[in-house]
Amino acid sequence: MKCEVCKSKIQMNFLEKPFGTYIKDENGKKHIVCNACQRKLKSKEAILENM
C-alpha cells in the first residue's frame, strides 16, 4: 500500500494492518495516510486538501 499524500510505501504490522489510518472524503471513499503525514498534517481537512 502507498500513502495517498506522499506516495511512499506504508509498512505493515504482523497482522497485515497498515501503520497509518484511513480517512473518508465527502463521497465516502477511503484513503490511506501514513503516520508521517498524519503528524505533519493535523486535521482531516488539511490531509484531504493535500491529496
PDB file of N, CA and C in Angstrom:
ATOM      1  N   MET A   1       0.840  -1.182   0.000  1.00  0.00           N
ATOM      2  CA  MET A   1       0.000   0.000   0.000  1.00  0.00           C
ATOM      3  C   MET A   1       0.883   1.243   0.000  1.00  0.00           C
ATOM      4  N   LYS A   2       0.373   2.310  -0.597  1.00  0.00           N
ATOM      5  CA  LYS A   2       1.097   3.570  -0.632  1.00  0.00           C
ATOM      6  C   LYS A   2       0.236   4.670  -0.036  1.00  0.00           C
ATOM      7  N   CYS A   3       0.900   5.607   0.630  1.00  0.00           N
ATOM      8  CA  CYS A   3       0.239   6.777   1.198  1.00  0.00           C
ATOM      9  C   CYS A   3      -0.285   7.636   0.049  1.00  0.00           C
ATOM     10  N   GLU A   4      -1.501   8.138   0.179  1.00  0.00           N
ATOM     11  CA  GLU A   4      -2.088   8.933  -0.887  1.00  0.00           C
ATOM     12  C   GLU A   4      -1.630  10.381  -0.857  1.00  0.00           C
ATOM     13  N   VAL A   5      -0.911  10.802   0.185  1.00  0.00           N
ATOM     14  CA  VAL A   5      -0.399  12.165   0.255  1.00  0.00           C
ATOM     15  C   VAL A   5       1.030  12.222  -0.266  1.00  0.00           C
ATOM     16  N   CYS A   6       1.924  11.402   0.295  1.00  0.00           N
ATOM     17  CA  CYS A   6       3.344  11.475  -0.065  1.00  0.00           C
ATOM     18  C   CYS A   6       3.789  10.361  -1.010  1.00  0.00           C
ATOM     19  N   LYS A   7       2.921   9.421  -1.316  1.00  0.00           N
ATOM     20  CA  LYS A   7       3.181   8.316  -2.252  1.00  0.00           C
ATOM     21  C   LYS A   7       4.290   7.361  -1.796  1.00  0.00           C
ATOM     22  N   SER A   8       4.635   7.360  -0.506  1.00  0.00           N
ATOM     23  CA  SER A   8       5.632   6.421  -0.002  1.00  0.00           C
ATOM     24  C   SER A   8       4.942   5.138   0.453  1.00  0.00           C
ATOM     25  N   LYS A   9       5.700   4.057   0.513  1.00  0.00           N
ATOM     26  CA  LYS A   9       5.160   2.756   0.903  1.00  0.00           C
ATOM     27  C   LYS A   9       4.872   2.757   2.404  1.00  0.00           C
ATOM     28  N   ILE A  10       3.724   2.230   2.785  1.00  0.00           N
ATOM     29  CA  ILE A  10       3.324   2.158   4.188  1.00  0.00           C
ATOM     30  C   ILE A  10       3.694   0.784   4.719  1.00  0.00           C
ATOM     31  N   GLN A  11       4.362   0.760   5.869  1.00  0.00           N
ATOM     32  CA  GLN A  11       4.745  -0.501   6.489  1.00  0.00           C
ATOM     33  C   GLN A  11       3.517  -1.194   7.055  1.00  0.00           C
ATOM     34  N   MET A  12       3.593  -2.522   7.112  1.00  0.00           N
ATOM     35  CA  MET A  12       2.505  -3.326   7.652  1.00  0.00           C
ATOM     36  C   MET A  12       2.989  -4.033   8.914  1.00  0.00           C
ATOM     37  N   ASN A  13       2.084  -4.242   9.876  1.00  0.00           N
ATOM     38  CA  ASN A  13       2.466  -4.990  11.069  1.00  0.00           C
ATOM     39  C   ASN A  13       2.288  -6.485  10.815  1.00  0.00           C
ATOM     40  N   PHE A  14       2.517  -7.300  11.798  1.00  0.00           N
ATOM     41  CA  PHE A  14       2.486  -8.754  11.618  1.00  0.00           C
ATOM     42  C   PHE A  14       1.093  -9.286  11.296  1.00  0.00           C
ATOM     43  N   LEU A  15       0.053  -8.525  11.557  1.00  0.00           N
ATOM     44  CA  LEU A  15      -1.311  -8.935  11.213  1.00  0.00           C
ATOM     45  C   LEU A  15      -1.759  -8.364   9.873  1.00  0.00           C
ATOM     46  N   GLU A  16      -0.795  -7.831   9.112  1.00  0.00           N
ATOM     47  CA  GLU A  16      -1.047  -7.228   7.795  1.00  0.00           C
ATOM     48  C   GLU A  16      -1.978  -6.021   7.865  1.00  0.00           C
ATOM     49  N   LYS A  17      -1.874  -5.254   8.964  1.00  0.00           N
ATOM     50  CA  LYS A  17      -2.596  -3.993   9.081  1.00  0.00           C
ATOM     51  C   LYS A  17      -1.589  -2.865   8.885  1.00  0.00           C
ATOM     52  N   PRO A  18      -1.981  -1.787   8.232  1.00  0.00           N
ATOM     53  CA  PRO A  18      -1.027  -0.708   7.944  1.00  0.00           C
ATOM     54  C   PRO A  18      -0.738   0.153   9.166  1.00  0.00           C
ATOM     55  N   PHE A  19       0.496   0.696   9.216  1.00  0.00           N
ATOM     56  CA  PHE A  19       0.856   1.688  10.224  1.00  0.00           C
ATOM     57  C   PHE A  19       0.420   3.038   9.681  1.00  0.00           C
ATOM     58  N   GLY A  20      -0.837   3.337   9.806  1.00  0.00           N
ATOM     59  CA  GLY A  20      -1.432   4.556   9.288  1.00  0.00           C
ATOM     60  C   GLY A  20      -2.912   4.527   9.580  1.00  0.00           C
ATOM     61  N   THR A  21      -3.653   5.337   8.866  1.00  0.00           N
ATOM     62  CA  THR A  21      -5.089   5.387   9.085  1.00  0.00           C
ATOM     63  C   THR A  21      -5.813   5.596   7.771  1.00  0.00           C
ATOM     64  N   TYR A  22      -7.083   5.281   7.783  1.00  0.00           N
ATOM     65  CA  TYR A  22      -7.947   5.521   6.638  1.00  0.00           C
ATOM     66  C   TYR A  22      -8.757   6.773   6.920  1.00  0.00           C
ATOM     67  N   ILE A  23      -8.908   7.617   5.912  1.00  0.00           N
ATOM     68  CA  ILE A  23      -9.706   8.838   6.037  1.00  0.00           C
ATOM     69  C   ILE A  23     -10.732   8.833   4.916  1.00  0.00           C
ATOM     70  N   LYS A  24     -11.998   9.112   5.260  1.00  0.00           N
ATOM     71  CA  LYS A  24     -13.060   9.162   4.260  1.00  0.00           C
ATOM     72  C   LYS A  24     -13.217  10.584   3.742  1.00  0.00           C
ATOM     73  N   ASP A  25     -13.422  10.704   2.422  1.00  0.00           N
ATOM     74  CA  ASP A  25     -13.707  12.013   1.860  1.00  0.00           C
ATOM     75  C   ASP A  25     -15.215  12.245   1.860  1.00  0.00           C
ATOM     76  N   GLU A  26     -15.655  13.341   1.259  1.00  0.00           N
ATOM     77  CA  GLU A  26     -17.087  13.676   1.298  1.00  0.00           C
ATOM     78  C   GLU A  26     -17.940  12.706   0.496  1.00  0.00           C
ATOM     79  N   ASN A  27     -17.336  11.965  -0.436  1.00  0.00           N
ATOM     80  CA  ASN A  27     -18.068  10.969  -1.217  1.00  0.00           C
ATOM     81  C   ASN A  27     -18.108   9.597  -0.548  1.00  0.00           C
ATOM     82  N   GLY A  28     -17.396   9.441   0.566  1.00  0.00           N
ATOM     83  CA  GLY A  28     -17.381   8.176   1.286  1.00  0.00           C
ATOM     84  C   GLY A  28     -16.248   7.256   0.889  1.00  0.00           C
ATOM     85  N   LYS A  29     -15.367   7.707  -0.021  1.00  0.00           N
ATOM     86  CA  LYS A  29     -14.243   6.872  -0.444  1.00  0.00           C
ATOM     87  C   LYS A  29     -13.145   6.933   0.612  1.00  0.00           C
ATOM     88  N   LYS A  30     -12.552   5.766   0.926  1.00  0.00           N
ATOM     89  CA  LYS A  30     -11.492   5.694   1.926  1.00  0.00           C
ATOM     90  C   LYS A  30     -10.131   5.933   1.279  1.00  0.00           C
ATOM     91  N   HIS A  31      -9.299   6.718   1.956  1.00  0.00           N
ATOM     92  CA  HIS A  31      -7.928   6.987   1.525  1.00  0.00           C
ATOM     93  C   HIS A  31      -7.005   6.614   2.672  1.00  0.00           C
ATOM     94  N   ILE A  32      -5.852   6.007   2.359  1.00  0.00           N
ATOM     95  CA  ILE A  32      -4.901   5.615   3.397  1.00  0.00           C
ATOM     96  C   ILE A  32      -3.814   6.685   3.509  1.00  0.00           C
ATOM     97  N   VAL A  33      -3.442   7.004   4.759  1.00  0.00           N
ATOM     98  CA  VAL A  33      -2.445   8.027   5.045  1.00  0.00           C
ATOM     99  C   VAL A  33      -1.442   7.460   6.044  1.00  0.00           C
ATOM    100  N   CYS A  34      -0.141   7.681   5.791  1.00  0.00           N
ATOM    101  CA  CYS A  34       0.907   7.155   6.669  1.00  0.00           C
ATOM    102  C   CYS A  34       1.018   7.996   7.952  1.00  0.00           C
ATOM    103  N   ASN A  35       1.746   7.467   8.932  1.00  0.00           N
ATOM    104  CA  ASN A  35       1.915   8.156  10.210  1.00  0.00           C
ATOM    105  C   ASN A  35       2.648   9.473  10.062  1.00  0.00           C
ATOM    106  N   ALA A  36       3.645   9.538   9.172  1.00  0.00           N
ATOM    107  CA  ALA A  36       4.413  10.772   8.990  1.00  0.00           C
ATOM    108  C   ALA A  36       3.523  11.899   8.473  1.00  0.00           C
ATOM    109  N   CYS A  37       2.657  11.599   7.537  1.00  0.00           N
ATOM    110  CA  CYS A  37       1.746  12.620   7.012  1.00  0.00           C
ATOM    111  C   CYS A  37       0.692  13.010   8.047  1.00  0.00           C
ATOM    112  N   GLN A  38       0.294  12.073   8.891  1.00  0.00           N
ATOM    113  CA  GLN A  38      -0.655  12.388   9.962  1.00  0.00           C
ATOM    114  C   GLN A  38      -0.046  13.373  10.941  1.00  0.00           C
ATOM    115  N   ARG A  39       1.239  13.179  11.275  1.00  0.00           N
ATOM    116  CA  ARG A  39       1.908  14.093  12.202  1.00  0.00           C
ATOM    117  C   ARG A  39       2.104  15.467  11.579  1.00  0.00           C
ATOM    118  N   LYS A  40       2.402  15.493  10.287  1.00  0.00           N
ATOM    119  CA  LYS A  40       2.668  16.754   9.599  1.00  0.00           C
ATOM    120  C   LYS A  40       1.374  17.546   9.379  1.00  0.00           C
ATOM    121  N   LEU A  41       0.320  16.871   8.978  1.00  0.00           N
ATOM    122  CA  LEU A  41      -0.973  17.493   8.683  1.00  0.00           C
ATOM    123  C   LEU A  41      -1.960  17.085   9.769  1.00  0.00           C
ATOM    124  N   LYS A  42      -2.266  17.967  10.671  1.00  0.00           N
ATOM    125  CA  LYS A  42      -3.008  17.625  11.889  1.00  0.00           C
ATOM    126  C   LYS A  42      -4.493  17.332  11.661  1.00  0.00           C
ATOM    127  N   SER A  43      -5.163  18.039  10.754  1.00  0.00           N
ATOM    128  CA  SER A  43      -6.611  17.873  10.635  1.00  0.00           C
ATOM    129  C   SER A  43      -6.988  17.079   9.391  1.00  0.00           C
ATOM    130  N   LYS A  44      -8.178  16.535   9.410  1.00  0.00           N
ATOM    131  CA  LYS A  44      -8.699  15.759   8.286  1.00  0.00           C
ATOM    132  C   LYS A  44      -8.805  16.637   7.041  1.00  0.00           C
ATOM    133  N   GLU A  45      -9.223  17.875   7.212  1.00  0.00           N
ATOM    134  CA  GLU A  45      -9.379  18.782   6.090  1.00  0.00           C
ATOM    135  C   GLU A  45      -8.037  19.089   5.425  1.00  0.00           C
ATOM    136  N   ALA A  46      -6.987  19.257   6.231  1.00  0.00           N
ATOM    137  CA  ALA A  46      -5.648  19.525   5.688  1.00  0.00           C
ATOM    138  C   ALA A  46      -5.138  18.337   4.897  1.00  0.00           C
ATOM    139  N   ILE A  47      -5.412  17.123   5.368  1.00  0.00           N
ATOM    140  CA  ILE A  47      -4.971  15.917   4.667  1.00  0.00           C
ATOM    141  C   ILE A  47      -5.713  15.802   3.334  1.00  0.00           C
ATOM    142  N   LEU A  48      -7.011  16.034   3.329  1.00  0.00           N
ATOM    143  CA  LEU A  48      -7.780  15.925   2.096  1.00  0.00           C
ATOM    144  C   LEU A  48      -7.387  16.985   1.074  1.00  0.00           C
ATOM    145  N   GLU A  49      -6.973  18.175   1.519  1.00  0.00           N
ATOM    146  CA  GLU A  49      -6.515  19.229   0.606  1.00  0.00           C
ATOM    147  C   GLU A  49      -5.230  18.831  -0.095  1.00  0.00           C
ATOM    148  N   ASN A  50      -4.348  18.096   0.582  1.00  0.00           N
ATOM    149  CA  ASN A  50      -3.037  17.739   0.031  1.00  0.00           C
ATOM    150  C   ASN A  50      -3.059  16.484  -0.823  1.00  0.00           C
ATOM    151  N   MET A  51      -4.186  15.856  -1.020  1.00  0.00           N
ATOM    152  CA  MET A  51      -4.253  14.664  -1.863  1.00  0.00           C
ATOM    153  C   MET A  51      -4.369  15.036  -3.313  1.00  0.00           C
TER     154      MET A  51
END
